[in-house]
Amino acid sequence: MTHADDLDVGHDLEITKTTRRAVGAGTWVSGTLSGHRFEALVFPEHADNPEWEIGDSRISKLWIQRLADKREVFNWDRGPDRLAADDTTLQIVAFLAGGLADYIYS
């Protein structure tokens, strides 16, 4: 059995699509990692209201689905809509919040 602490979250990150928004700043990013798929709206700058982004991430929207059962395990839309379902999901959120914007805009 694999515990969340044993995961190497991000080792299999695959960005499958990036789409710049037609109006305003921001890029939609789709991808997979650690048996989950995600969609995120990432910005080059921080939000005017810090409560709109996950921590200091420049991510204002993040949706995560576990691939094994197609269950939505996290959703953030300028605030928490669905909290992380488990430790694995928390690690995925932390990984994406820690560097997705830098990866997309560097």
N, C-alpha and C. Protein backbone atom coordinates (compact mmCIF):
# COMPACT_ATOMS: atom_id res chain seq x y z
N MET A 1 0.84 -1.18 0.00
CA MET A 1 0.00 0.00 0.00
C MET A 1 0.88 1.25 0.00
N THR A 2 0.53 2.23 -0.80
CA THR A 2 1.29 3.47 -0.88
C THR A 2 0.67 4.52 0.02
N HIS A 3 1.46 5.14 0.82
CA HIS A 3 1.00 6.24 1.67
C HIS A 3 1.32 7.55 0.95
N ALA A 4 0.56 8.58 1.30
CA ALA A 4 0.76 9.88 0.67
C ALA A 4 2.19 10.37 0.86
N ASP A 5 2.81 10.04 2.01
CA ASP A 5 4.18 10.48 2.26
C ASP A 5 5.17 9.83 1.32
N ASP A 6 4.79 8.68 0.75
CA ASP A 6 5.68 7.95 -0.15
C ASP A 6 5.60 8.46 -1.59
N LEU A 7 4.63 9.30 -1.87
CA LEU A 7 4.44 9.78 -3.24
C LEU A 7 5.55 10.75 -3.64
N ASP A 8 5.92 10.65 -4.87
CA ASP A 8 6.82 11.64 -5.47
C ASP A 8 5.95 12.51 -6.37
N VAL A 9 5.14 13.34 -5.73
CA VAL A 9 4.18 14.16 -6.46
C VAL A 9 4.91 15.05 -7.45
N GLY A 10 4.47 15.00 -8.67
CA GLY A 10 5.05 15.84 -9.71
C GLY A 10 6.02 15.13 -10.61
N HIS A 11 6.50 13.95 -10.22
CA HIS A 11 7.48 13.24 -11.06
C HIS A 11 6.91 12.90 -12.43
N ASP A 12 5.58 12.76 -12.51
CA ASP A 12 4.95 12.39 -13.77
C ASP A 12 4.07 13.51 -14.33
N LEU A 13 4.33 14.74 -13.92
CA LEU A 13 3.55 15.88 -14.41
C LEU A 13 3.60 15.92 -15.93
N GLU A 14 2.42 16.02 -16.53
CA GLU A 14 2.31 16.20 -17.97
C GLU A 14 1.32 17.32 -18.24
N ILE A 15 1.80 18.38 -18.87
CA ILE A 15 0.94 19.47 -19.30
C ILE A 15 0.38 19.05 -20.66
N THR A 16 -0.93 18.90 -20.75
CA THR A 16 -1.53 18.42 -21.99
C THR A 16 -2.04 19.55 -22.87
N LYS A 17 -2.30 20.72 -22.26
CA LYS A 17 -2.82 21.83 -23.06
C LYS A 17 -2.66 23.14 -22.30
N THR A 18 -2.30 24.19 -23.01
CA THR A 18 -2.31 25.54 -22.45
C THR A 18 -3.06 26.43 -23.43
N THR A 19 -3.93 27.27 -22.90
CA THR A 19 -4.72 28.16 -23.74
C THR A 19 -4.74 29.54 -23.10
N ARG A 20 -4.19 30.52 -23.80
CA ARG A 20 -4.25 31.90 -23.32
C ARG A 20 -5.68 32.39 -23.44
N ARG A 21 -6.12 33.11 -22.42
CA ARG A 21 -7.47 33.67 -22.46
C ARG A 21 -7.55 34.73 -23.55
N ALA A 22 -8.68 34.79 -24.22
CA ALA A 22 -8.87 35.75 -25.30
C ALA A 22 -8.95 37.19 -24.77
N VAL A 23 -9.51 37.35 -23.59
CA VAL A 23 -9.65 38.67 -22.99
C VAL A 23 -8.96 38.66 -21.64
N GLY A 24 -8.11 39.64 -21.39
CA GLY A 24 -7.43 39.75 -20.11
C GLY A 24 -6.25 38.79 -20.02
N ALA A 25 -5.59 38.85 -18.89
CA ALA A 25 -4.43 37.99 -18.67
C ALA A 25 -4.91 36.60 -18.25
N GLY A 26 -3.99 35.69 -18.16
CA GLY A 26 -4.30 34.36 -17.66
C GLY A 26 -4.19 33.30 -18.72
N THR A 27 -3.85 32.11 -18.28
CA THR A 27 -3.71 30.95 -19.15
C THR A 27 -4.39 29.76 -18.49
N TRP A 28 -5.24 29.09 -19.25
CA TRP A 28 -5.81 27.82 -18.79
C TRP A 28 -4.79 26.74 -19.04
N VAL A 29 -4.54 25.92 -18.03
CA VAL A 29 -3.56 24.84 -18.11
C VAL A 29 -4.27 23.54 -17.75
N SER A 30 -4.13 22.54 -18.61
CA SER A 30 -4.67 21.21 -18.34
C SER A 30 -3.53 20.23 -18.28
N GLY A 31 -3.66 19.22 -17.43
CA GLY A 31 -2.61 18.22 -17.34
C GLY A 31 -2.97 17.08 -16.43
N THR A 32 -1.99 16.22 -16.23
CA THR A 32 -2.15 15.06 -15.35
C THR A 32 -0.92 14.92 -14.46
N LEU A 33 -1.12 14.33 -13.28
CA LEU A 33 -0.03 13.93 -12.40
C LEU A 33 -0.58 13.05 -11.30
N SER A 34 0.22 12.13 -10.87
CA SER A 34 -0.09 11.26 -9.73
C SER A 34 -1.49 10.65 -9.78
N GLY A 35 -1.90 10.19 -10.97
CA GLY A 35 -3.20 9.55 -11.11
C GLY A 35 -4.38 10.50 -11.07
N HIS A 36 -4.15 11.77 -11.32
CA HIS A 36 -5.19 12.79 -11.31
C HIS A 36 -5.07 13.65 -12.56
N ARG A 37 -6.16 14.27 -12.95
CA ARG A 37 -6.09 15.29 -13.99
C ARG A 37 -6.53 16.60 -13.38
N PHE A 38 -6.04 17.69 -13.97
CA PHE A 38 -6.35 19.01 -13.41
C PHE A 38 -6.55 20.02 -14.52
N GLU A 39 -7.26 21.07 -14.17
CA GLU A 39 -7.40 22.26 -14.99
C GLU A 39 -7.20 23.44 -14.06
N ALA A 40 -6.36 24.38 -14.50
CA ALA A 40 -6.05 25.53 -13.66
C ALA A 40 -6.05 26.81 -14.49
N LEU A 41 -6.49 27.89 -13.89
CA LEU A 41 -6.37 29.22 -14.49
C LEU A 41 -5.24 29.93 -13.75
N VAL A 42 -4.15 30.18 -14.47
CA VAL A 42 -2.91 30.69 -13.91
C VAL A 42 -2.64 32.08 -14.47
N PHE A 43 -2.13 32.96 -13.63
CA PHE A 43 -1.87 34.34 -14.04
C PHE A 43 -0.40 34.71 -13.89
N PRO A 44 0.06 35.68 -14.70
CA PRO A 44 1.45 36.13 -14.59
C PRO A 44 1.69 36.99 -13.35
N GLU A 45 0.63 37.62 -12.84
CA GLU A 45 0.73 38.49 -11.66
C GLU A 45 -0.23 38.00 -10.58
N HIS A 46 -0.03 38.46 -9.38
CA HIS A 46 -0.92 38.10 -8.28
C HIS A 46 -2.28 38.78 -8.44
N ALA A 47 -3.30 38.17 -7.87
CA ALA A 47 -4.66 38.71 -7.91
C ALA A 47 -4.75 40.01 -7.12
N ASP A 48 -5.65 40.89 -7.55
CA ASP A 48 -5.89 42.13 -6.80
C ASP A 48 -6.32 41.82 -5.38
N ASN A 49 -7.13 40.79 -5.23
CA ASN A 49 -7.57 40.34 -3.91
C ASN A 49 -6.84 39.03 -3.60
N PRO A 50 -5.95 39.01 -2.62
CA PRO A 50 -5.18 37.80 -2.31
C PRO A 50 -6.03 36.57 -1.99
N GLU A 51 -7.28 36.78 -1.53
CA GLU A 51 -8.15 35.66 -1.22
C GLU A 51 -8.61 34.91 -2.47
N TRP A 52 -8.41 35.48 -3.65
CA TRP A 52 -8.84 34.86 -4.90
C TRP A 52 -7.88 33.79 -5.39
N GLU A 53 -6.65 33.78 -4.87
CA GLU A 53 -5.70 32.77 -5.34
C GLU A 53 -5.33 31.81 -4.22
N ILE A 54 -4.86 30.65 -4.60
CA ILE A 54 -4.46 29.64 -3.62
C ILE A 54 -3.12 30.06 -3.05
N GLY A 55 -3.12 30.50 -1.82
CA GLY A 55 -1.88 30.95 -1.19
C GLY A 55 -1.23 32.06 -2.00
N ASP A 56 0.02 31.84 -2.37
CA ASP A 56 0.81 32.81 -3.13
C ASP A 56 1.08 32.26 -4.53
N SER A 57 0.09 31.55 -5.10
CA SER A 57 0.31 30.71 -6.27
C SER A 57 0.07 31.37 -7.63
N ARG A 58 -0.70 32.42 -7.68
CA ARG A 58 -1.18 33.02 -8.93
C ARG A 58 -2.15 32.10 -9.67
N ILE A 59 -2.74 31.14 -8.95
CA ILE A 59 -3.78 30.26 -9.48
C ILE A 59 -5.11 30.71 -8.87
N SER A 60 -6.07 31.12 -9.72
CA SER A 60 -7.36 31.56 -9.20
C SER A 60 -8.43 30.48 -9.35
N LYS A 61 -8.20 29.51 -10.22
CA LYS A 61 -9.13 28.40 -10.39
C LYS A 61 -8.32 27.12 -10.54
N LEU A 62 -8.73 26.09 -9.80
CA LEU A 62 -8.05 24.80 -9.89
C LEU A 62 -9.07 23.71 -9.62
N TRP A 63 -9.19 22.79 -10.57
CA TRP A 63 -10.09 21.65 -10.46
C TRP A 63 -9.24 20.40 -10.60
N ILE A 64 -9.45 19.43 -9.70
CA ILE A 64 -8.69 18.18 -9.74
C ILE A 64 -9.65 17.01 -9.67
N GLN A 65 -9.40 16.03 -10.55
CA GLN A 65 -10.21 14.81 -10.60
C GLN A 65 -9.30 13.59 -10.48
N ARG A 66 -9.68 12.64 -9.61
CA ARG A 66 -8.95 11.38 -9.50
C ARG A 66 -9.36 10.52 -10.70
N LEU A 67 -8.37 10.03 -11.45
CA LEU A 67 -8.65 9.26 -12.66
C LEU A 67 -9.26 7.89 -12.37
N ALA A 68 -8.88 7.25 -11.28
CA ALA A 68 -9.34 5.89 -10.99
C ALA A 68 -10.85 5.77 -10.91
N ASP A 69 -11.51 6.78 -10.29
CA ASP A 69 -12.96 6.70 -10.13
C ASP A 69 -13.69 7.93 -10.67
N LYS A 70 -12.94 8.82 -11.34
CA LYS A 70 -13.50 10.05 -11.94
C LYS A 70 -14.12 10.99 -10.91
N ARG A 71 -13.71 10.86 -9.65
CA ARG A 71 -14.26 11.69 -8.58
C ARG A 71 -13.54 13.03 -8.52
N GLU A 72 -14.32 14.11 -8.43
CA GLU A 72 -13.75 15.43 -8.18
C GLU A 72 -13.23 15.44 -6.76
N VAL A 73 -11.94 15.74 -6.59
CA VAL A 73 -11.33 15.69 -5.26
C VAL A 73 -10.89 17.07 -4.76
N PHE A 74 -10.99 18.09 -5.61
CA PHE A 74 -10.65 19.45 -5.19
C PHE A 74 -11.22 20.42 -6.20
N ASN A 75 -11.72 21.56 -5.71
CA ASN A 75 -12.14 22.63 -6.61
C ASN A 75 -11.98 23.97 -5.91
N TRP A 76 -11.31 24.88 -6.59
CA TRP A 76 -11.09 26.25 -6.10
C TRP A 76 -11.49 27.19 -7.22
N ASP A 77 -12.40 28.11 -6.91
CA ASP A 77 -12.82 29.12 -7.88
C ASP A 77 -12.87 30.46 -7.16
N ARG A 78 -11.69 31.10 -7.09
CA ARG A 78 -11.51 32.33 -6.33
C ARG A 78 -11.89 32.13 -4.86
N GLY A 79 -11.76 30.92 -4.41
CA GLY A 79 -12.08 30.52 -3.04
C GLY A 79 -12.40 29.04 -3.07
N PRO A 80 -12.40 28.41 -1.90
CA PRO A 80 -12.61 26.96 -1.86
C PRO A 80 -14.06 26.57 -2.11
N ASP A 81 -14.28 25.73 -3.12
CA ASP A 81 -15.60 25.15 -3.39
C ASP A 81 -15.67 23.73 -2.86
N ARG A 82 -14.59 22.98 -3.05
CA ARG A 82 -14.48 21.61 -2.53
C ARG A 82 -13.08 21.46 -1.97
N LEU A 83 -12.99 21.21 -0.67
CA LEU A 83 -11.69 21.04 -0.04
C LEU A 83 -11.05 19.73 -0.48
N ALA A 84 -9.75 19.63 -0.33
CA ALA A 84 -9.01 18.43 -0.74
C ALA A 84 -9.59 17.19 -0.06
N ALA A 85 -9.82 16.16 -0.87
CA ALA A 85 -10.47 14.94 -0.40
C ALA A 85 -9.55 14.08 0.47
N ASP A 86 -8.23 14.20 0.29
CA ASP A 86 -7.30 13.34 1.02
C ASP A 86 -5.89 13.94 0.98
N ASP A 87 -4.95 13.26 1.61
CA ASP A 87 -3.57 13.76 1.68
C ASP A 87 -2.91 13.84 0.30
N THR A 88 -3.21 12.89 -0.56
CA THR A 88 -2.64 12.92 -1.91
C THR A 88 -3.07 14.18 -2.63
N THR A 89 -4.35 14.49 -2.53
CA THR A 89 -4.87 15.70 -3.18
C THR A 89 -4.21 16.95 -2.59
N LEU A 90 -4.03 16.98 -1.27
CA LEU A 90 -3.34 18.12 -0.64
C LEU A 90 -1.94 18.29 -1.21
N GLN A 91 -1.23 17.19 -1.40
CA GLN A 91 0.12 17.25 -1.96
C GLN A 91 0.11 17.74 -3.41
N ILE A 92 -0.88 17.32 -4.17
CA ILE A 92 -0.99 17.77 -5.56
C ILE A 92 -1.26 19.27 -5.59
N VAL A 93 -2.19 19.73 -4.77
CA VAL A 93 -2.49 21.17 -4.70
C VAL A 93 -1.24 21.95 -4.31
N ALA A 94 -0.53 21.48 -3.30
CA ALA A 94 0.69 22.17 -2.86
C ALA A 94 1.75 22.19 -3.97
N PHE A 95 1.89 21.08 -4.68
CA PHE A 95 2.86 21.03 -5.77
C PHE A 95 2.52 22.03 -6.86
N LEU A 96 1.26 22.04 -7.30
CA LEU A 96 0.85 22.96 -8.36
C LEU A 96 0.92 24.41 -7.89
N ALA A 97 0.48 24.68 -6.67
CA ALA A 97 0.53 26.03 -6.13
C ALA A 97 1.97 26.52 -5.97
N GLY A 98 2.88 25.59 -5.75
CA GLY A 98 4.27 25.96 -5.53
C GLY A 98 5.06 26.30 -6.77
N GLY A 99 4.54 26.02 -7.97
CA GLY A 99 5.37 26.31 -9.12
C GLY A 99 4.73 26.30 -10.49
N LEU A 100 3.43 26.04 -10.58
CA LEU A 100 2.79 25.98 -11.91
C LEU A 100 2.87 27.33 -12.63
N ALA A 101 2.60 28.42 -11.93
CA ALA A 101 2.64 29.74 -12.57
C ALA A 101 4.04 30.06 -13.06
N ASP A 102 5.04 29.77 -12.25
CA ASP A 102 6.42 30.02 -12.69
C ASP A 102 6.77 29.18 -13.92
N TYR A 103 6.32 27.94 -13.94
CA TYR A 103 6.59 27.06 -15.08
C TYR A 103 5.93 27.60 -16.34
N ILE A 104 4.70 28.04 -16.25
CA ILE A 104 3.96 28.52 -17.42
C ILE A 104 4.50 29.86 -17.91
N TYR A 105 4.89 30.73 -16.99
CA TYR A 105 5.30 32.09 -17.39
C TYR A 105 6.80 32.31 -17.39
N SER A 106 7.60 31.26 -17.31
CA SER A 106 9.06 31.47 -17.36
C SER A 106 9.61 31.22 -18.74
